[in-house]
N, C-alpha and C. Protein backbone atom coordinates (compact mmCIF):
# COMPACT_ATOMS: atom_id res chain seq x y z
N MET A 1 0.75 -1.34 -0.04
CA MET A 1 -0.02 0.08 0.05
C MET A 1 0.86 1.23 -0.09
N GLY A 2 0.61 2.19 -1.03
CA GLY A 2 1.56 3.25 -1.14
C GLY A 2 1.17 4.20 -0.11
N ARG A 3 1.96 5.50 -0.05
CA ARG A 3 1.75 6.56 0.95
C ARG A 3 0.68 7.49 0.25
N GLY A 4 -0.22 7.88 1.15
CA GLY A 4 -1.18 8.94 0.76
C GLY A 4 -0.57 10.29 0.23
N LYS A 5 -1.32 10.89 -0.44
CA LYS A 5 -0.77 12.28 -0.83
C LYS A 5 -1.14 13.44 0.24
N ILE A 6 -0.23 14.20 0.60
CA ILE A 6 -0.43 15.19 1.60
C ILE A 6 -0.79 16.60 0.94
N GLU A 7 -1.98 17.07 1.35
CA GLU A 7 -2.41 18.28 0.90
C GLU A 7 -1.33 19.55 1.22
N ILE A 8 -0.99 20.21 0.35
CA ILE A 8 -0.02 21.17 0.44
C ILE A 8 -0.77 22.51 1.03
N LYS A 9 -0.73 22.55 2.20
CA LYS A 9 -1.41 23.89 2.99
C LYS A 9 -0.81 23.81 4.26
N ARG A 10 -1.08 25.11 4.88
CA ARG A 10 -0.43 25.27 6.25
C ARG A 10 -1.13 24.39 7.33
N ILE A 11 -0.10 24.01 8.06
CA ILE A 11 -0.52 22.99 9.14
C ILE A 11 -0.95 23.82 10.26
N GLU A 12 -1.95 23.58 10.79
CA GLU A 12 -2.73 24.42 11.68
C GLU A 12 -2.11 24.21 13.08
N ASN A 13 -1.85 22.83 13.49
CA ASN A 13 -1.34 22.31 14.62
C ASN A 13 0.21 22.85 14.73
N SER A 14 0.35 23.63 15.77
CA SER A 14 1.76 24.22 15.91
C SER A 14 2.87 22.96 16.25
N SER A 15 2.51 21.98 16.90
CA SER A 15 3.40 21.03 17.25
C SER A 15 3.91 20.33 16.02
N ASN A 16 2.84 19.97 15.24
CA ASN A 16 2.91 19.28 13.79
C ASN A 16 3.72 20.09 13.02
N ARG A 17 3.35 21.42 12.92
CA ARG A 17 4.20 22.25 12.02
C ARG A 17 5.46 22.44 12.33
N GLN A 18 5.92 22.42 13.65
CA GLN A 18 7.29 22.44 14.04
C GLN A 18 7.88 21.09 13.57
N VAL A 19 7.45 20.04 13.77
CA VAL A 19 7.99 18.69 13.57
C VAL A 19 8.14 18.62 12.05
N THR A 20 7.31 19.17 11.22
CA THR A 20 7.38 19.07 9.65
C THR A 20 8.42 19.86 9.25
N TYR A 21 8.61 21.24 9.76
CA TYR A 21 9.50 22.13 9.45
C TYR A 21 10.95 21.47 9.71
N SER A 22 11.26 20.83 10.98
CA SER A 22 12.47 20.35 11.20
C SER A 22 12.81 19.21 10.18
N LYS A 23 11.94 18.23 10.09
CA LYS A 23 12.17 17.16 9.10
C LYS A 23 12.54 17.60 7.71
N ARG A 24 11.73 18.50 7.14
CA ARG A 24 11.91 18.94 5.61
C ARG A 24 13.03 19.93 5.51
N ARG A 25 13.47 20.69 6.47
CA ARG A 25 14.50 21.45 6.61
C ARG A 25 15.79 20.56 6.40
N ASN A 26 15.83 19.62 7.40
CA ASN A 26 17.07 18.78 7.35
C ASN A 26 17.24 17.75 5.99
N GLY A 27 15.92 17.60 5.52
CA GLY A 27 16.03 16.90 4.13
C GLY A 27 16.45 17.94 2.99
N LEU A 28 15.97 19.15 3.11
CA LEU A 28 16.61 20.06 1.96
C LEU A 28 17.89 20.29 2.17
N MET A 29 18.51 20.54 3.48
CA MET A 29 19.93 20.64 3.50
C MET A 29 20.64 19.59 3.12
N LYS A 30 20.13 18.30 3.32
CA LYS A 30 20.72 16.93 2.94
C LYS A 30 20.95 16.95 1.41
N LYS A 31 19.78 17.57 0.81
CA LYS A 31 19.84 17.39 -0.74
C LYS A 31 20.62 18.45 -1.14
N ALA A 32 20.79 19.65 -0.57
CA ALA A 32 21.82 20.73 -1.12
C ALA A 32 23.14 20.00 -0.93
N LYS A 33 23.53 19.47 0.10
CA LYS A 33 24.80 18.98 0.34
C LYS A 33 25.27 17.81 -0.86
N GLU A 34 24.36 16.86 -1.16
CA GLU A 34 24.41 15.77 -2.01
C GLU A 34 24.64 16.35 -3.36
N ILE A 35 23.96 17.42 -3.83
CA ILE A 35 24.00 17.97 -5.18
C ILE A 35 25.26 18.69 -5.37
N SER A 36 25.68 19.45 -4.12
CA SER A 36 27.10 20.09 -4.34
C SER A 36 28.26 19.27 -4.48
N VAL A 37 28.28 17.97 -3.76
CA VAL A 37 29.23 16.97 -3.92
C VAL A 37 29.08 16.14 -5.23
N LEU A 38 27.99 15.65 -5.45
CA LEU A 38 27.73 14.73 -6.75
C LEU A 38 28.01 15.44 -7.99
N CYS A 39 27.62 16.63 -8.10
CA CYS A 39 27.53 17.46 -9.33
C CYS A 39 28.50 18.62 -9.33
N ASP A 40 29.39 18.96 -8.31
CA ASP A 40 30.26 19.90 -8.18
C ASP A 40 29.65 21.23 -8.40
N ALA A 41 28.46 21.26 -7.82
CA ALA A 41 27.63 22.50 -8.19
C ALA A 41 27.87 23.62 -6.93
N LYS A 42 27.79 24.87 -7.07
CA LYS A 42 27.58 25.77 -6.08
C LYS A 42 26.36 26.13 -5.58
N VAL A 43 26.13 25.55 -4.37
CA VAL A 43 24.81 25.70 -3.79
C VAL A 43 24.81 26.58 -2.61
N SER A 44 23.89 27.24 -2.22
CA SER A 44 23.61 28.08 -1.04
C SER A 44 22.15 28.08 -0.67
N VAL A 45 21.70 27.65 0.44
CA VAL A 45 20.38 27.57 1.06
C VAL A 45 20.36 28.48 2.35
N ILE A 46 19.45 29.29 2.44
CA ILE A 46 19.11 30.06 3.46
C ILE A 46 17.61 29.87 3.91
N ILE A 47 17.47 29.55 5.01
CA ILE A 47 16.08 29.28 5.65
C ILE A 47 15.87 30.21 7.02
N PHE A 48 14.81 30.80 6.99
CA PHE A 48 14.25 31.48 8.06
C PHE A 48 12.98 30.76 8.85
N ALA A 49 13.01 30.33 9.89
CA ALA A 49 11.75 29.72 10.51
C ALA A 49 10.89 30.80 10.76
N SER A 50 9.69 30.53 11.27
CA SER A 50 8.57 31.49 11.56
C SER A 50 9.03 32.25 12.95
N SER A 51 9.75 31.49 13.65
CA SER A 51 10.26 32.31 14.95
C SER A 51 11.66 33.21 14.68
N GLY A 52 12.03 33.20 13.37
CA GLY A 52 13.06 34.21 12.95
C GLY A 52 14.43 33.69 13.06
N LYS A 53 14.52 32.37 13.43
CA LYS A 53 15.94 31.64 13.51
C LYS A 53 16.29 31.38 12.19
N MET A 54 17.52 31.50 11.87
CA MET A 54 18.22 31.11 10.57
C MET A 54 18.87 29.97 10.50
N HIS A 55 18.61 29.26 9.45
CA HIS A 55 19.52 27.99 8.88
C HIS A 55 20.12 28.26 7.57
N GLU A 56 21.23 27.90 7.41
CA GLU A 56 21.92 28.01 6.22
C GLU A 56 22.89 26.92 5.72
N PHE A 57 23.00 26.84 4.48
CA PHE A 57 24.11 25.95 3.98
C PHE A 57 24.72 26.53 2.80
N CYS A 58 26.14 26.38 2.77
CA CYS A 58 26.74 27.02 1.47
C CYS A 58 27.80 25.98 1.20
N SER A 59 27.96 25.56 -0.02
CA SER A 59 28.88 24.44 -0.61
C SER A 59 30.23 25.07 -0.32
N PRO A 60 31.28 23.83 0.13
CA PRO A 60 32.49 24.28 0.48
C PRO A 60 33.33 25.30 -0.60
N SER A 61 34.29 26.01 0.02
CA SER A 61 35.03 26.96 -0.86
C SER A 61 34.08 27.72 -1.64
N THR A 62 32.74 28.19 -1.25
CA THR A 62 32.12 28.96 -1.93
C THR A 62 31.66 30.22 -1.05
N LYS A 63 31.69 31.52 -1.37
CA LYS A 63 31.45 32.59 -0.57
C LYS A 63 29.95 33.06 -1.23
N LEU A 64 29.18 33.41 -0.17
CA LEU A 64 27.85 33.87 -0.46
C LEU A 64 27.79 35.07 -1.28
N VAL A 65 28.93 35.98 -0.94
CA VAL A 65 28.95 37.33 -1.86
C VAL A 65 29.34 36.92 -3.14
N ASP A 66 30.09 35.98 -3.33
CA ASP A 66 30.37 35.65 -4.67
C ASP A 66 29.45 35.11 -5.53
N MET A 67 28.48 34.33 -4.96
CA MET A 67 27.31 33.91 -5.59
C MET A 67 26.32 34.96 -5.82
N LEU A 68 26.08 35.92 -5.11
CA LEU A 68 25.38 36.92 -5.26
C LEU A 68 25.88 37.86 -6.27
N ASP A 69 27.17 37.94 -6.65
CA ASP A 69 27.69 38.81 -7.68
C ASP A 69 27.40 37.90 -9.05
N GLN A 70 27.63 36.60 -9.00
CA GLN A 70 27.17 35.95 -10.11
C GLN A 70 25.96 36.06 -10.51
N TYR A 71 24.87 35.97 -9.53
CA TYR A 71 23.64 36.11 -9.80
C TYR A 71 23.17 37.47 -10.41
N HIS A 72 23.81 38.56 -9.86
CA HIS A 72 23.50 39.74 -10.44
C HIS A 72 24.05 39.89 -11.86
N LYS A 73 24.86 39.30 -12.17
CA LYS A 73 25.52 39.36 -13.60
C LYS A 73 24.59 38.55 -14.63
N LEU A 74 23.97 37.43 -14.10
CA LEU A 74 23.20 36.54 -14.93
C LEU A 74 21.96 37.05 -14.98
N SER A 75 21.37 37.46 -13.87
CA SER A 75 19.81 37.75 -13.81
C SER A 75 19.72 39.48 -14.00
N GLY A 76 20.50 40.08 -13.75
CA GLY A 76 20.45 41.59 -13.96
C GLY A 76 19.79 42.23 -12.72
N LYS A 77 19.45 41.45 -11.84
CA LYS A 77 18.87 41.98 -10.43
C LYS A 77 19.87 42.36 -9.53
N ARG A 78 20.05 43.67 -8.76
CA ARG A 78 20.89 44.04 -8.05
C ARG A 78 20.52 43.82 -6.54
N LEU A 79 20.75 42.84 -5.94
CA LEU A 79 20.34 42.41 -4.59
C LEU A 79 21.42 43.02 -3.59
N TRP A 80 22.55 43.22 -4.19
CA TRP A 80 23.76 43.61 -3.14
C TRP A 80 24.80 44.38 -4.09
N ASP A 81 25.22 45.43 -3.47
CA ASP A 81 26.17 46.26 -4.17
C ASP A 81 27.18 46.86 -3.21
N ALA A 82 28.13 47.62 -3.80
CA ALA A 82 29.33 48.01 -3.07
C ALA A 82 28.72 49.07 -1.82
N LYS A 83 27.68 49.91 -2.32
CA LYS A 83 27.04 50.81 -1.39
C LYS A 83 26.62 50.27 -0.15
N HIS A 84 25.65 49.05 -0.40
CA HIS A 84 25.10 48.31 0.60
C HIS A 84 26.21 47.69 1.51
N GLU A 85 27.21 47.19 0.84
CA GLU A 85 28.29 46.56 1.71
C GLU A 85 28.95 47.65 2.63
N HIS A 86 29.30 48.82 1.97
CA HIS A 86 29.71 49.91 2.88
C HIS A 86 28.68 50.23 4.03
N LEU A 87 27.62 50.26 3.76
CA LEU A 87 26.63 50.56 4.93
C LEU A 87 26.56 49.51 5.86
N ASP A 88 26.72 48.34 5.41
CA ASP A 88 26.72 47.23 6.36
C ASP A 88 28.09 47.13 7.23
N ASN A 89 29.20 47.62 6.38
CA ASN A 89 30.42 47.60 7.27
C ASN A 89 30.25 48.67 8.42
N GLU A 90 29.71 49.96 7.95
CA GLU A 90 29.52 50.95 8.83
C GLU A 90 28.52 50.60 10.14
N ILE A 91 27.57 49.99 9.70
CA ILE A 91 26.65 49.38 10.77
C ILE A 91 27.58 48.53 11.83
N ASN A 92 28.29 47.54 11.26
CA ASN A 92 28.87 46.65 12.03
C ASN A 92 29.97 47.65 13.03
N ARG A 93 30.52 48.59 12.45
CA ARG A 93 31.66 49.46 13.06
C ARG A 93 30.91 50.14 14.23
N ILE A 94 29.88 50.77 13.92
CA ILE A 94 29.06 51.45 15.01
C ILE A 94 28.61 50.66 16.05
N LYS A 95 28.14 49.35 15.68
CA LYS A 95 27.67 48.48 16.84
C LYS A 95 28.82 48.08 17.80
N LYS A 96 30.14 47.80 17.13
CA LYS A 96 31.32 47.51 18.04
C LYS A 96 31.67 48.59 18.80
N GLU A 97 31.50 49.71 18.16
CA GLU A 97 31.92 51.06 19.01
C GLU A 97 30.84 51.22 20.10
N ASN A 98 29.66 51.05 19.86
CA ASN A 98 28.81 51.18 21.03
C ASN A 98 29.05 50.24 22.05
N ASP A 99 29.37 48.86 21.66
CA ASP A 99 29.56 47.81 22.64
C ASP A 99 30.65 48.22 23.51
N SER A 100 31.72 48.93 22.87
CA SER A 100 33.00 49.19 23.78
C SER A 100 32.61 50.50 24.49
N MET A 101 31.80 51.17 24.28
CA MET A 101 31.44 52.52 24.97
C MET A 101 30.46 51.95 26.28
N GLN A 102 29.66 50.86 26.05
CA GLN A 102 29.02 50.29 27.12
C GLN A 102 29.89 49.71 28.19
N ILE A 103 30.71 49.15 27.61
CA ILE A 103 31.65 48.22 28.64
C ILE A 103 32.58 49.54 29.42
N GLU A 104 32.82 50.38 28.70
CA GLU A 104 33.78 51.35 29.29
C GLU A 104 32.81 52.16 30.44
N LEU A 105 31.62 52.29 30.11
CA LEU A 105 30.66 53.08 30.99
C LEU A 105 30.45 52.10 32.26
N ARG A 106 30.07 50.91 32.20
CA ARG A 106 30.07 50.09 33.14
C ARG A 106 31.35 49.98 34.23
N HIS A 107 32.55 50.09 33.36
CA HIS A 107 33.80 50.26 34.31
C HIS A 107 33.88 51.50 34.90
N LEU A 108 33.29 52.53 34.38
CA LEU A 108 33.34 54.05 35.25
C LEU A 108 32.31 53.92 36.40
N LYS A 109 31.23 52.97 36.26
CA LYS A 109 30.41 52.85 37.43
C LYS A 109 30.94 51.76 38.49
N GLY A 110 32.10 51.37 38.02
CA GLY A 110 32.61 50.20 39.03
C GLY A 110 32.09 48.87 38.95
N GLU A 111 31.51 48.66 37.61
CA GLU A 111 30.83 47.35 37.39
C GLU A 111 31.80 46.61 36.40
N ASP A 112 31.96 45.23 36.50
CA ASP A 112 32.56 44.33 35.75
C ASP A 112 34.05 44.85 35.68
N ILE A 113 34.69 44.99 36.75
CA ILE A 113 36.14 45.41 36.85
C ILE A 113 36.87 44.19 37.29
N THR A 114 36.41 43.08 37.63
CA THR A 114 37.19 42.03 37.92
C THR A 114 37.98 41.37 37.20
N THR A 115 37.75 41.54 35.80
CA THR A 115 38.52 40.92 34.78
C THR A 115 39.73 41.90 34.30
N LEU A 116 39.65 43.18 34.74
CA LEU A 116 40.66 44.18 34.34
C LEU A 116 42.05 43.95 35.28
N ASN A 117 43.12 44.02 34.33
CA ASN A 117 44.31 43.94 34.99
C ASN A 117 44.88 45.27 35.75
N TYR A 118 46.12 45.13 36.35
CA TYR A 118 46.46 46.41 36.92
C TYR A 118 46.76 47.59 36.00
N LYS A 119 47.34 47.45 34.84
CA LYS A 119 47.43 48.62 34.00
C LYS A 119 45.99 49.22 33.60
N GLU A 120 45.14 48.28 33.32
CA GLU A 120 43.79 48.93 32.94
C GLU A 120 43.05 49.54 34.15
N LEU A 121 43.30 49.07 35.31
CA LEU A 121 42.77 49.72 36.39
C LEU A 121 43.52 51.00 36.76
N MET A 122 44.62 51.14 36.48
CA MET A 122 45.31 52.47 36.67
C MET A 122 44.83 53.45 35.78
N VAL A 123 44.74 53.01 34.45
CA VAL A 123 43.94 54.04 33.32
C VAL A 123 42.81 54.31 33.68
N LEU A 124 41.86 53.34 34.47
CA LEU A 124 40.49 53.73 34.87
C LEU A 124 40.57 54.66 35.82
N GLU A 125 41.62 54.48 37.01
CA GLU A 125 41.68 55.67 38.01
C GLU A 125 42.19 56.93 37.60
N GLU A 126 43.01 56.88 36.54
CA GLU A 126 43.37 58.33 35.99
C GLU A 126 42.25 58.95 35.25
N ALA A 127 41.45 58.20 34.53
CA ALA A 127 40.29 58.76 33.96
C ALA A 127 39.11 59.42 34.95
N LEU A 128 39.03 58.73 36.12
CA LEU A 128 38.07 59.00 36.99
C LEU A 128 38.57 60.27 37.73
N ASP A 129 40.08 60.28 38.10
CA ASP A 129 40.69 61.46 38.59
C ASP A 129 40.56 62.87 37.80
N ASN A 130 40.70 62.64 36.48
CA ASN A 130 40.52 63.80 35.52
C ASN A 130 39.24 64.19 35.44
N GLY A 131 38.20 63.24 35.73
CA GLY A 131 36.92 63.66 35.64
C GLY A 131 36.27 64.33 37.01
N ILE A 132 36.88 63.94 37.91
CA ILE A 132 36.69 64.69 39.28
C ILE A 132 37.17 66.11 39.23
N SER A 133 38.60 66.18 38.80
CA SER A 133 39.07 67.53 38.70
C SER A 133 38.37 68.60 37.89
N ALA A 134 38.00 67.98 36.66
CA ALA A 134 36.99 68.81 35.82
C ALA A 134 35.67 69.15 36.52
N LEU A 135 35.10 68.35 37.18
CA LEU A 135 34.02 68.73 37.88
C LEU A 135 34.07 69.84 38.88
N LYS A 136 35.13 69.61 39.76
CA LYS A 136 35.50 70.53 40.80
C LYS A 136 35.73 71.95 40.13
N SER A 137 36.57 71.88 39.05
CA SER A 137 36.95 73.43 38.40
C SER A 137 35.47 73.90 37.82
N LYS A 138 34.71 73.26 37.27
CA LYS A 138 33.28 73.73 36.83
C LYS A 138 32.61 74.32 37.96
N GLN A 139 32.47 73.52 39.13
CA GLN A 139 31.95 73.73 40.17
C GLN A 139 32.05 75.22 40.76
N MET A 140 33.67 75.33 40.93
CA MET A 140 34.18 76.50 41.46
C MET A 140 33.88 77.80 40.46
N GLU A 141 34.00 77.46 39.20
CA GLU A 141 33.56 78.66 38.34
C GLU A 141 32.28 79.03 38.47
N PHE A 142 31.31 78.02 38.79
CA PHE A 142 29.90 78.46 38.85
C PHE A 142 29.69 79.28 40.21
N VAL A 143 30.32 78.85 41.31
CA VAL A 143 30.39 79.54 42.61
C VAL A 143 30.91 81.07 42.44
N ARG A 144 32.07 81.15 41.65
CA ARG A 144 32.58 82.57 41.46
C ARG A 144 31.55 83.32 40.76
N MET A 145 30.89 82.73 39.76
CA MET A 145 30.04 83.66 39.02
C MET A 145 28.86 83.84 39.93
N MET A 146 28.13 82.99 40.77
CA MET A 146 27.14 83.34 41.51
C MET A 146 27.56 84.40 42.60
N ARG A 147 28.71 84.47 43.06
CA ARG A 147 29.17 85.56 44.00
C ARG A 147 29.25 86.79 43.39
N LYS A 148 29.74 86.81 42.07
CA LYS A 148 29.94 88.18 41.37
C LYS A 148 28.47 88.70 41.02
N ASN A 149 27.55 87.82 40.82
CA ASN A 149 26.18 88.11 40.32
C ASN A 149 25.51 88.86 41.80
N ASN A 150 25.79 88.19 42.88
CA ASN A 150 25.42 88.67 44.16
C ASN A 150 25.77 89.73 44.55
N GLU A 151 27.15 90.13 44.13
CA GLU A 151 27.97 91.49 44.51
C GLU A 151 27.28 92.63 43.74
N MET A 152 27.08 92.26 42.59
CA MET A 152 26.42 93.24 41.61
C MET A 152 24.97 93.53 41.86
N ILE A 153 24.36 92.52 42.39
CA ILE A 153 22.82 92.73 42.96
C ILE A 153 22.90 93.79 44.15
N GLU A 154 23.88 93.37 45.10
CA GLU A 154 24.15 94.01 46.24
C GLU A 154 24.41 95.54 46.07
N GLU A 155 25.43 95.74 45.16
CA GLU A 155 25.67 97.21 44.95
C GLU A 155 24.59 97.97 44.08
N GLU A 156 23.81 97.29 43.27
CA GLU A 156 22.49 98.07 42.91
C GLU A 156 21.45 98.29 43.73
N ASN A 157 21.39 97.39 44.82
CA ASN A 157 20.42 97.60 45.74
C ASN A 157 20.90 98.76 46.60
N GLN A 158 22.08 98.83 47.09
CA GLN A 158 22.48 99.99 47.92
C GLN A 158 22.35 101.35 47.09
N SER A 159 22.71 101.34 45.89
CA SER A 159 22.48 102.44 45.01
C SER A 159 20.97 102.94 44.95
N LEU A 160 20.10 101.91 44.86
CA LEU A 160 18.75 102.30 44.97
C LEU A 160 18.29 102.72 46.24
N GLN A 161 18.76 102.20 47.11
CA GLN A 161 18.35 102.86 48.67
C GLN A 161 18.90 104.19 49.05
N PHE A 162 20.19 104.42 48.52
CA PHE A 162 20.67 105.59 48.62
C PHE A 162 19.73 106.74 47.84
N LYS A 163 19.53 106.41 46.58
CA LYS A 163 18.71 107.36 45.68
C LYS A 163 17.23 107.46 46.57
N LEU A 164 16.73 106.38 47.07
CA LEU A 164 15.51 106.45 47.61
C LEU A 164 15.44 107.50 49.00
N ARG A 165 16.60 107.32 49.81
CA ARG A 165 16.67 108.12 50.82
C ARG A 165 16.78 109.63 50.50
N GLN A 166 17.62 109.93 49.34
CA GLN A 166 17.48 111.23 48.93
C GLN A 166 16.48 111.92 48.34
N LEU A 167 15.36 110.84 47.79
CA LEU A 167 14.14 111.52 47.29
C LEU A 167 13.02 111.61 48.52
N HIS A 168 13.19 110.76 49.49
CA HIS A 168 11.90 110.82 50.55
C HIS A 168 12.54 111.13 51.90
N LEU A 169 13.54 111.15 52.23
CA LEU A 169 14.19 111.45 53.39
C LEU A 169 14.84 112.87 53.71
N ASP A 170 15.03 113.35 52.44
CA ASP A 170 15.79 114.78 52.56
C ASP A 170 15.03 115.69 52.40
N PRO A 171 14.40 116.62 53.18
CA PRO A 171 13.29 117.67 52.86
C PRO A 171 13.99 118.86 52.13
N MET A 172 15.39 118.95 52.18
CA MET A 172 15.92 120.17 51.46
C MET A 172 15.93 119.90 49.92
N ASN A 173 16.09 118.72 49.37
CA ASN A 173 15.93 118.61 48.06
C ASN A 173 14.47 118.98 47.51
N ASP A 174 13.36 118.48 48.20
CA ASP A 174 12.00 119.02 47.73
C ASP A 174 11.92 120.44 47.85
N HIS A 175 12.55 121.24 48.93
CA HIS A 175 12.40 122.40 48.99
C HIS A 175 12.99 123.18 47.99
N ASP A 176 14.20 122.85 47.72
CA ASP A 176 15.02 123.45 46.56
C ASP A 176 14.52 123.42 45.23
N ASN A 177 13.82 122.12 45.02
CA ASN A 177 13.08 121.95 43.87
C ASN A 177 11.97 122.82 43.55
N VAL A 178 11.32 122.84 44.53
CA VAL A 178 9.92 123.90 44.64
C VAL A 178 10.50 125.32 44.31
N MET A 179 11.47 125.96 45.02
CA MET A 179 11.97 127.17 44.81
C MET A 179 12.51 127.50 43.64
N GLN A 180 13.25 126.28 43.01
CA GLN A 180 13.90 126.63 41.68
C GLN A 180 12.93 126.74 40.54
N SER A 181 11.76 126.09 40.77
CA SER A 181 10.74 126.11 39.88
C SER A 181 9.93 127.42 39.75
N GLN A 182 10.05 128.25 40.89
CA GLN A 182 9.36 129.51 40.85
C GLN A 182 10.16 130.58 40.05
N GLY A 183 11.45 130.49 40.18
CA GLY A 183 12.18 131.67 39.31
C GLY A 183 12.35 132.84 39.98
N GLY A 184 13.21 133.80 39.52
CA GLY A 184 13.35 135.09 39.98
C GLY A 184 14.27 135.20 41.10
N GLY A 185 14.57 136.39 41.51
CA GLY A 185 15.71 136.62 42.51
C GLY A 185 15.14 136.22 43.90
N GLY A 186 13.96 136.08 44.25
CA GLY A 186 13.40 135.67 45.58
C GLY A 186 13.93 134.28 45.85
N VAL A 187 14.48 133.59 44.92
CA VAL A 187 14.89 131.97 45.14
C VAL A 187 16.01 131.97 46.09
N VAL A 188 17.02 133.02 45.69
CA VAL A 188 18.27 132.93 46.65
C VAL A 188 17.91 133.44 47.87
N TYR A 189 17.19 134.54 47.99
CA TYR A 189 16.94 135.26 49.15
C TYR A 189 16.16 134.14 50.23
N HIS A 190 15.27 133.51 49.60
CA HIS A 190 14.33 132.55 50.42
C HIS A 190 15.33 131.49 51.06
N HIS A 191 16.34 130.92 50.13
CA HIS A 191 17.21 130.01 50.42
C HIS A 191 18.28 130.27 51.54
N GLN A 192 18.64 131.52 51.37
CA GLN A 192 19.55 132.00 52.53
C GLN A 192 18.86 132.12 53.84
N ASN A 193 17.55 132.65 53.76
CA ASN A 193 16.85 132.65 55.06
C ASN A 193 16.55 131.38 55.71
N GLN A 194 16.25 130.31 54.84
CA GLN A 194 15.97 129.10 55.27
C GLN A 194 17.41 128.50 55.94
N ILE A 195 18.56 128.71 55.33
CA ILE A 195 19.76 128.28 55.76
C ILE A 195 19.93 129.01 57.20
N ALA A 196 19.64 130.24 57.28
CA ALA A 196 19.91 130.99 58.39
C ALA A 196 19.17 130.39 59.73
N ALA A 197 17.81 130.13 59.25
CA ALA A 197 16.94 129.65 60.35
C ALA A 197 17.37 128.22 60.87
N ASP A 198 17.89 127.28 59.94
CA ASP A 198 18.36 126.06 60.30
C ASP A 198 19.43 126.16 61.13
N TYR A 199 20.48 127.27 60.89
CA TYR A 199 21.59 127.26 61.66
C TYR A 199 21.29 127.74 63.04
N GLU A 200 20.38 128.63 63.26
CA GLU A 200 19.93 129.18 64.47
C GLU A 200 19.31 128.07 65.27
N ALA A 201 18.58 127.19 64.73
CA ALA A 201 17.70 126.16 65.47
C ALA A 201 18.91 125.19 65.86
N ALA A 202 19.82 124.84 65.04
CA ALA A 202 21.02 123.88 65.53
C ALA A 202 21.79 124.59 66.49
N ALA A 203 21.95 125.87 66.58
CA ALA A 203 22.88 126.52 67.58
C ALA A 203 22.10 126.45 68.93
N ALA A 204 20.72 126.48 68.89
CA ALA A 204 20.05 126.53 70.17
C ALA A 204 20.04 125.25 70.82
N GLN A 205 20.26 124.26 70.09
CA GLN A 205 20.29 122.82 70.66
C GLN A 205 21.76 122.58 71.16
N MET A 206 22.66 123.26 70.83
CA MET A 206 24.02 122.87 71.45
C MET A 206 24.27 123.66 72.88
N PRO A 207 25.16 122.76 73.53
CA PRO A 207 25.41 123.27 74.92
C PRO A 207 26.17 124.73 74.90
N PHE A 208 25.95 125.38 76.09
CA PHE A 208 26.33 126.80 76.07
C PHE A 208 27.86 126.96 75.78
N ALA A 209 28.65 125.77 76.27
CA ALA A 209 30.18 126.29 76.05
C ALA A 209 30.48 126.05 74.63
N PHE A 210 29.69 125.46 73.90
CA PHE A 210 30.14 125.37 72.36
C PHE A 210 29.61 126.43 71.48
N ARG A 211 28.85 127.35 72.05
CA ARG A 211 28.14 128.40 71.22
C ARG A 211 29.30 129.47 70.82
N VAL A 212 29.15 130.04 69.88
CA VAL A 212 30.19 131.25 69.55
C VAL A 212 29.64 132.46 70.28
N GLN A 213 30.60 132.94 71.19
CA GLN A 213 30.40 134.09 71.80
C GLN A 213 30.75 135.34 71.20
N PRO A 214 30.09 136.35 71.55
CA PRO A 214 30.52 137.74 70.91
C PRO A 214 31.90 138.19 71.28
N MET A 215 32.39 138.85 70.57
CA MET A 215 33.96 139.44 70.75
C MET A 215 33.87 140.44 71.96
N GLN A 216 34.54 140.25 73.13
CA GLN A 216 34.61 141.24 74.03
C GLN A 216 36.01 141.88 74.16
N PRO A 217 36.40 143.21 74.49
CA PRO A 217 37.74 143.59 74.69
C PRO A 217 38.28 143.10 76.01
N ASN A 218 39.46 142.84 76.00
CA ASN A 218 40.35 142.26 77.13
C ASN A 218 40.28 143.27 78.25
N LEU A 219 39.60 142.88 79.36
CA LEU A 219 39.36 143.70 80.38
C LEU A 219 40.70 143.94 81.15
N GLN A 220 41.73 143.22 81.20
CA GLN A 220 43.02 143.60 81.79
C GLN A 220 43.65 144.66 81.25
N GLU A 221 43.53 144.78 79.88
CA GLU A 221 44.19 145.88 79.16
C GLU A 221 43.67 147.30 79.67
N ARG A 222 42.47 147.15 80.24
CA ARG A 222 41.82 148.49 80.65
C ARG A 222 42.41 148.96 81.97
N PHE A 223 42.88 148.27 82.73
CA PHE A 223 43.50 148.75 83.97
C PHE A 223 45.13 148.67 83.83
């Protein structure tokens, strides 16, 4: 009794589908190896499972890039070119550089340093010392800038307070401004009278010993 034909369609059961994939993949790889050996053919097979896992076979002494170039020449379809190869190399370089920076960052945090030798630890210590020195210098610069700003603010505050006292606490300023706005010769006269009145009021408050005494003749000379 012969084997029954299997309908070619997607296998719904996941376990059966995985078993069938594994068996047929191995069979396909086996056939690729056999034809490459028996017929001296260049064979390359790449299979991606539904999970994304890749399986490949390339005949011995055959490079996939060479096969792609030959395919380009015969079919006229450009699946790969120098530009793409350059981009691929650049991506690989950036990935390696990123991995190296990640390792260095972990070392600076004090992680994964058990595998470092003495010289590598010395280099790491020097880098940390330089970083600390740069941070302290920047911190001192910030402190000096803040102090300078505070001094400028304090000077401006004192200047404003002085102007405020002149405007509101010195009555002579307001009096002089009013008299100057009137004009005429009476301005000087009124100002002199005001000065004289202020002087008399101040002299009245002084002790008697400090007051200016009127000049008297020397009585001893009269005898």
